[in-house]
Amino acid sequence: MKPVVHTYEDADQWRRARGRYIGSSESAALFGLSPYLTRFQLFHIKSDPAFAASWQEATAAEAVVDWGTRLEPAIIEGICDKEKLTERQWGGQRIFQHGEEPRMGATVDSWAVEAERGPVIVEAKNVNYYQWRDNWTDEKLPPWIEVQVQHQLACTGYDAAVVGAL
């Protein structure tokens, strides 16, 4: 399966385009696994552009989202250095559309090359102590992040991902 890659010139174009897809960060809501988004909210985000705009504005204003965005490049650099990943590429304003399921889309934080596996998705998470203590282990991701990464793998056609948390 070969994905269709859409690249956008600015963040507003990219945000509007995200409305056409179920994105990887939204997919856990479909299964009732997201602590951040319900199926009801996802339905309204996808069906009502005014609701979607107000939701994006409110979410972007949250301190945790703001700091996650600010720290993402440093987290990715740390992941790539620790895992010895090369040829890093920032995800930027791209959407990987699934080649067979046109409503599936994903924007990845970054991708890089691992010597043994080839290209891998690099996903950065900024979590607080309580989230880490209650939901993470060194071997297992929280279920909503597992769904997000599986969605990204399906949309990009990559075989592996590396997730790191600060």
Foldseek 3Di string as FASTA:
>chain_A
DAWDKDADDDPVVLLVVLLQACELLNVCQVVVQDPVDHPVLNVCLNPPVVSVVVVVVVVCPDPQNVVCVVCLVVQQVVQCVVQVWAPKDAQHSMWTAQPPDRRQIYGARIWTQHPPQGIATEHEAEDDPVCCVPAHDPVDGRPSVVSSRVSVCRRRVGDHYDYDYD
